[in-house]
Structure formats: structure tokens, C-alpha cells
Amino acid sequence: MPLARRLLLGTMETAGVDPDISFDLSVALSEACANAVEHGGREAPCSGFTDGESPEGTGAYHVTAYLDGDRCRIEVSDSGPGFPAATVSRRRPSLSEHGRGLHLIEELADHVRFRNRPGRGAVVSFDKMLKWRDGALLKVS
């Protein structure tokens, strides 16, 4: 989890993204990774930009993040059993003891999607419109 967060924050800073937006995305990413670690199964980490397994070996996950114009899209996938049907079909996840992290992701991002890949785990994808600092390297006009 720390590696994914550091890479995201470093990229956002280099690109010139507003620090508040970067922080929101990093918290949402941390929550999505924590969910993947807790519920992601016991398989080896995926290839690519992978933050790895928890120390207990409880969950491997794969993180993909990219900039598309003035929007950042992040996906966190795991190899666990997937989300309960109520989480996938509901607009807002439960605020019970489990699911608060998913709710936080929805509050911090502009668009969130929870989906299952039958037999292959779950995917949390979210995106956020970016605001740029003055003089940003990648500022979209």
C-alpha cells in the first residue's frame, strides 16, 4: 500500500496537480488497496504496478493509474471472492463496520464503480477531475 501511494503522490506532484486533489486520490487509493488486502484472496501478486501482498499473505492486488486529459483514473483489482451483490448494485456501500472505506472512496472521487470479475476477483475503479497548480507541467488547457 505505501508504494502505490508514494508513486501516485510523486507523479501527481511532478505533473503539477493541486495538492488537495492529490491527497484525496491517495486516500481513496489507500482505502481501495486496504479493501483488496483484506478481501483479495491468497494468491501471488499480479504482474505490473503491483504493491504486493500484506505481511500476512492475505491479499494480492494490482493497481493501475493513468491520466486522461484532466482526469485521473485508478483501478485496484484483486483475486478474491468479489463484492457482495448488494455492494455492486447499490449506489452507496453500507456504513456498517465493513464498507466504510468504500463509502470514503465514493466521497473523495467523482465517479466510482465496484464490479466483480466472476472467478477472478473484484475491481474498484474511480476517477477524479484534476485541478492544476500554476505552471503545472501537464496542465490541460
C-alpha atoms as a PDB file:
ATOM      1  CA  MET A   1       0.000   0.000   0.000  1.00  0.00           C
ATOM      2  CA  PRO A   2       2.695   2.551   0.823  1.00  0.00           C
ATOM      3  CA  LEU A   3       4.448   2.011  -2.524  1.00  0.00           C
ATOM      4  CA  ALA A   4       1.294   2.661  -4.554  1.00  0.00           C
ATOM      5  CA  ARG A   5       0.521   5.775  -2.527  1.00  0.00           C
ATOM      6  CA  ARG A   6       4.075   7.166  -2.839  1.00  0.00           C
ATOM      7  CA  LEU A   7       4.155   6.550  -6.592  1.00  0.00           C
ATOM      8  CA  LEU A   8       0.788   8.256  -7.047  1.00  0.00           C
ATOM      9  CA  LEU A   9       1.705  11.276  -4.908  1.00  0.00           C
ATOM     10  CA  GLY A  10       5.084  11.652  -6.615  1.00  0.00           C
ATOM     11  CA  THR A  11       3.524  11.502 -10.066  1.00  0.00           C
ATOM     12  CA  MET A  12       0.815  14.000  -9.130  1.00  0.00           C
ATOM     13  CA  GLU A  13       3.385  16.400  -7.678  1.00  0.00           C
ATOM     14  CA  THR A  14       5.626  16.138 -10.737  1.00  0.00           C
ATOM     15  CA  ALA A  15       2.666  16.681 -13.076  1.00  0.00           C
ATOM     16  CA  GLY A  16       1.579  19.757 -11.110  1.00  0.00           C
ATOM     17  CA  VAL A  17      -1.717  18.509  -9.720  1.00  0.00           C
ATOM     18  CA  ASP A  18      -3.242  20.549  -6.889  1.00  0.00           C
ATOM     19  CA  PRO A  19      -2.117  19.004  -3.562  1.00  0.00           C
ATOM     20  CA  ASP A  20      -5.693  18.718  -2.223  1.00  0.00           C
ATOM     21  CA  ILE A  21      -6.732  16.654  -5.254  1.00  0.00           C
ATOM     22  CA  SER A  22      -3.598  14.509  -4.916  1.00  0.00           C
ATOM     23  CA  PHE A  23      -4.359  13.907  -1.248  1.00  0.00           C
ATOM     24  CA  ASP A  24      -7.970  12.880  -1.987  1.00  0.00           C
ATOM     25  CA  LEU A  25      -6.786  10.424  -4.636  1.00  0.00           C
ATOM     26  CA  SER A  26      -4.111   8.991  -2.358  1.00  0.00           C
ATOM     27  CA  VAL A  27      -6.598   8.388   0.469  1.00  0.00           C
ATOM     28  CA  ALA A  28      -9.059   6.750  -1.953  1.00  0.00           C
ATOM     29  CA  LEU A  29      -6.228   4.594  -3.328  1.00  0.00           C
ATOM     30  CA  SER A  30      -5.197   3.564   0.193  1.00  0.00           C
ATOM     31  CA  GLU A  31      -8.772   2.549   1.003  1.00  0.00           C
ATOM     32  CA  ALA A  32      -9.113   0.547  -2.217  1.00  0.00           C
ATOM     33  CA  CYS A  33      -5.788  -1.217  -1.533  1.00  0.00           C
ATOM     34  CA  ALA A  34      -6.765  -1.931   2.081  1.00  0.00           C
ATOM     35  CA  ASN A  35     -10.004  -3.484   0.838  1.00  0.00           C
ATOM     36  CA  ALA A  36      -8.064  -5.630  -1.653  1.00  0.00           C
ATOM     37  CA  VAL A  37      -5.607  -6.766   1.028  1.00  0.00           C
ATOM     38  CA  GLU A  38      -8.416  -7.703   3.412  1.00  0.00           C
ATOM     39  CA  HIS A  39     -10.650  -9.454   0.885  1.00  0.00           C
ATOM     40  CA  GLY A  40      -8.342 -10.216  -2.034  1.00  0.00           C
ATOM     41  CA  GLY A  41      -7.548 -13.881  -1.616  1.00  0.00           C
ATOM     42  CA  ARG A  42      -4.256 -15.632  -1.033  1.00  0.00           C
ATOM     43  CA  GLU A  43      -2.664 -15.727  -4.465  1.00  0.00           C
ATOM     44  CA  ALA A  44       0.690 -14.315  -5.518  1.00  0.00           C
ATOM     45  CA  PRO A  45       0.868 -10.659  -6.520  1.00  0.00           C
ATOM     46  CA  CYS A  46      -0.083  -9.779 -10.101  1.00  0.00           C
ATOM     47  CA  SER A  47       2.454  -8.503 -12.581  1.00  0.00           C
ATOM     48  CA  GLY A  48       2.667  -4.823 -13.454  1.00  0.00           C
ATOM     49  CA  PHE A  49       2.388  -1.932 -10.989  1.00  0.00           C
ATOM     50  CA  THR A  50       1.632  -4.128  -8.024  1.00  0.00           C
ATOM     51  CA  ASP A  51       2.007  -3.071  -4.468  1.00  0.00           C
ATOM     52  CA  GLY A  52       2.135  -6.702  -3.393  1.00  0.00           C
ATOM     53  CA  GLU A  53       0.816  -8.739  -0.556  1.00  0.00           C
ATOM     54  CA  SER A  54       0.114  -7.892   3.010  1.00  0.00           C
ATOM     55  CA  PRO A  55       2.645  -9.280   5.506  1.00  0.00           C
ATOM     56  CA  GLU A  56       0.153 -11.970   6.491  1.00  0.00           C
ATOM     57  CA  GLY A  57      -0.220 -13.001   2.835  1.00  0.00           C
ATOM     58  CA  THR A  58      -3.959 -12.337   2.914  1.00  0.00           C
ATOM     59  CA  GLY A  59      -4.405 -10.465  -0.314  1.00  0.00           C
ATOM     60  CA  ALA A  60      -2.625  -9.732  -3.548  1.00  0.00           C
ATOM     61  CA  TYR A  61      -3.778  -6.850  -5.679  1.00  0.00           C
ATOM     62  CA  HIS A  62      -2.951  -4.931  -8.832  1.00  0.00           C
ATOM     63  CA  VAL A  63      -3.043  -1.143  -9.182  1.00  0.00           C
ATOM     64  CA  THR A  64      -3.401   0.741 -12.454  1.00  0.00           C
ATOM     65  CA  ALA A  65      -3.402   4.541 -12.532  1.00  0.00           C
ATOM     66  CA  TYR A  66      -3.373   6.831 -15.520  1.00  0.00           C
ATOM     67  CA  LEU A  67      -4.034  10.399 -16.564  1.00  0.00           C
ATOM     68  CA  ASP A  68      -6.538  11.031 -19.333  1.00  0.00           C
ATOM     69  CA  GLY A  69      -6.530  14.752 -20.080  1.00  0.00           C
ATOM     70  CA  ASP A  70      -7.754  16.464 -16.929  1.00  0.00           C
ATOM     71  CA  ARG A  71      -8.935  13.257 -15.249  1.00  0.00           C
ATOM     72  CA  CYS A  72      -7.067  10.633 -13.225  1.00  0.00           C
ATOM     73  CA  ARG A  73      -8.419   7.067 -13.337  1.00  0.00           C
ATOM     74  CA  ILE A  74      -7.341   4.447 -10.801  1.00  0.00           C
ATOM     75  CA  GLU A  75      -8.244   0.754 -10.703  1.00  0.00           C
ATOM     76  CA  VAL A  76      -7.452  -1.699  -7.934  1.00  0.00           C
ATOM     77  CA  SER A  77      -8.164  -5.343  -8.690  1.00  0.00           C
ATOM     78  CA  ASP A  78      -7.787  -8.422  -6.530  1.00  0.00           C
ATOM     79  CA  SER A  79      -8.216 -12.173  -6.858  1.00  0.00           C
ATOM     80  CA  GLY A  80     -10.672 -12.650  -4.006  1.00  0.00           C
ATOM     81  CA  PRO A  81     -14.292 -13.760  -3.980  1.00  0.00           C
ATOM     82  CA  GLY A  82     -15.639 -10.407  -5.210  1.00  0.00           C
ATOM     83  CA  PHE A  83     -18.072  -7.923  -3.734  1.00  0.00           C
ATOM     84  CA  PRO A  84     -21.420  -8.954  -2.306  1.00  0.00           C
ATOM     85  CA  ALA A  85     -24.222  -8.325  -4.811  1.00  0.00           C
ATOM     86  CA  ALA A  86     -25.606  -5.510  -2.618  1.00  0.00           C
ATOM     87  CA  THR A  87     -22.314  -3.577  -2.862  1.00  0.00           C
ATOM     88  CA  VAL A  88     -22.122  -3.875  -6.656  1.00  0.00           C
ATOM     89  CA  SER A  89     -25.769  -2.951  -7.245  1.00  0.00           C
ATOM     90  CA  ARG A  90     -26.124  -0.230  -4.607  1.00  0.00           C
ATOM     91  CA  ARG A  91     -25.254   3.372  -5.233  1.00  0.00           C
ATOM     92  CA  ARG A  92     -23.776   3.771  -1.750  1.00  0.00           C
ATOM     93  CA  PRO A  93     -21.955   0.997   0.154  1.00  0.00           C
ATOM     94  CA  SER A  94     -23.057   0.144   3.649  1.00  0.00           C
ATOM     95  CA  LEU A  95     -21.792   2.232   6.554  1.00  0.00           C
ATOM     96  CA  SER A  96     -21.585  -0.837   8.797  1.00  0.00           C
ATOM     97  CA  GLU A  97     -18.235  -1.882  10.240  1.00  0.00           C
ATOM     98  CA  HIS A  98     -17.245  -3.214   6.818  1.00  0.00           C
ATOM     99  CA  GLY A  99     -17.743  -0.949   3.826  1.00  0.00           C
ATOM    100  CA  ARG A 100     -16.758   2.400   5.311  1.00  0.00           C
ATOM    101  CA  GLY A 101     -13.639   2.527   3.146  1.00  0.00           C
ATOM    102  CA  LEU A 102     -15.761   2.033   0.032  1.00  0.00           C
ATOM    103  CA  HIS A 103     -18.023   4.863   1.169  1.00  0.00           C
ATOM    104  CA  LEU A 104     -14.971   7.084   1.697  1.00  0.00           C
ATOM    105  CA  ILE A 105     -13.778   6.331  -1.854  1.00  0.00           C
ATOM    106  CA  GLU A 106     -17.185   7.462  -3.139  1.00  0.00           C
ATOM    107  CA  GLU A 107     -16.928  10.693  -1.167  1.00  0.00           C
ATOM    108  CA  LEU A 108     -13.414  11.509  -2.416  1.00  0.00           C
ATOM    109  CA  ALA A 109     -13.743  10.556  -6.092  1.00  0.00           C
ATOM    110  CA  ASP A 110     -16.003  11.934  -8.821  1.00  0.00           C
ATOM    111  CA  HIS A 111     -17.063   8.567 -10.224  1.00  0.00           C
ATOM    112  CA  VAL A 112     -16.717   5.129  -8.612  1.00  0.00           C
ATOM    113  CA  ARG A 113     -17.540   1.671  -9.884  1.00  0.00           C
ATOM    114  CA  PHE A 114     -17.463  -1.589  -7.925  1.00  0.00           C
ATOM    115  CA  ARG A 115     -17.540  -4.683 -10.095  1.00  0.00           C
ATOM    116  CA  ASN A 116     -16.862  -8.378  -9.935  1.00  0.00           C
ATOM    117  CA  ARG A 117     -14.910 -10.468 -12.379  1.00  0.00           C
ATOM    118  CA  PRO A 118     -16.514 -13.895 -11.891  1.00  0.00           C
ATOM    119  CA  GLY A 119     -13.883 -16.354 -10.736  1.00  0.00           C
ATOM    120  CA  ARG A 120     -11.173 -13.670 -10.871  1.00  0.00           C
ATOM    121  CA  GLY A 121     -11.921 -11.232  -8.052  1.00  0.00           C
ATOM    122  CA  ALA A 122     -13.180  -7.688  -7.676  1.00  0.00           C
ATOM    123  CA  VAL A 123     -12.284  -4.305  -9.168  1.00  0.00           C
ATOM    124  CA  VAL A 124     -12.697  -0.863  -7.644  1.00  0.00           C
ATOM    125  CA  SER A 125     -12.283   1.858 -10.249  1.00  0.00           C
ATOM    126  CA  PHE A 126     -12.575   5.552  -9.573  1.00  0.00           C
ATOM    127  CA  ASP A 127     -11.686   8.801 -11.216  1.00  0.00           C
ATOM    128  CA  LYS A 128     -11.370  12.431 -10.303  1.00  0.00           C
ATOM    129  CA  MET A 129     -11.150  15.636 -12.260  1.00  0.00           C
ATOM    130  CA  LEU A 130      -7.771  17.239 -11.737  1.00  0.00           C
ATOM    131  CA  LYS A 131      -7.019  20.809 -10.755  1.00  0.00           C
ATOM    132  CA  TRP A 132      -3.598  22.122 -11.621  1.00  0.00           C
ATOM    133  CA  ARG A 133      -1.105  24.354  -9.843  1.00  0.00           C
ATOM    134  CA  ASP A 134       0.118  27.425 -11.728  1.00  0.00           C
ATOM    135  CA  GLY A 135       2.909  26.401 -14.089  1.00  0.00           C
ATOM    136  CA  ALA A 136       1.978  22.698 -13.997  1.00  0.00           C
ATOM    137  CA  LEU A 137       3.871  20.513 -16.482  1.00  0.00           C
ATOM    138  CA  LEU A 138       0.815  18.603 -17.758  1.00  0.00           C
ATOM    139  CA  LYS A 139      -1.875  21.239 -17.340  1.00  0.00           C
ATOM    140  CA  VAL A 140      -4.724  20.644 -19.792  1.00  0.00           C
ATOM    141  CA  SER A 141      -5.919  23.855 -21.427  1.00  0.00           C
END
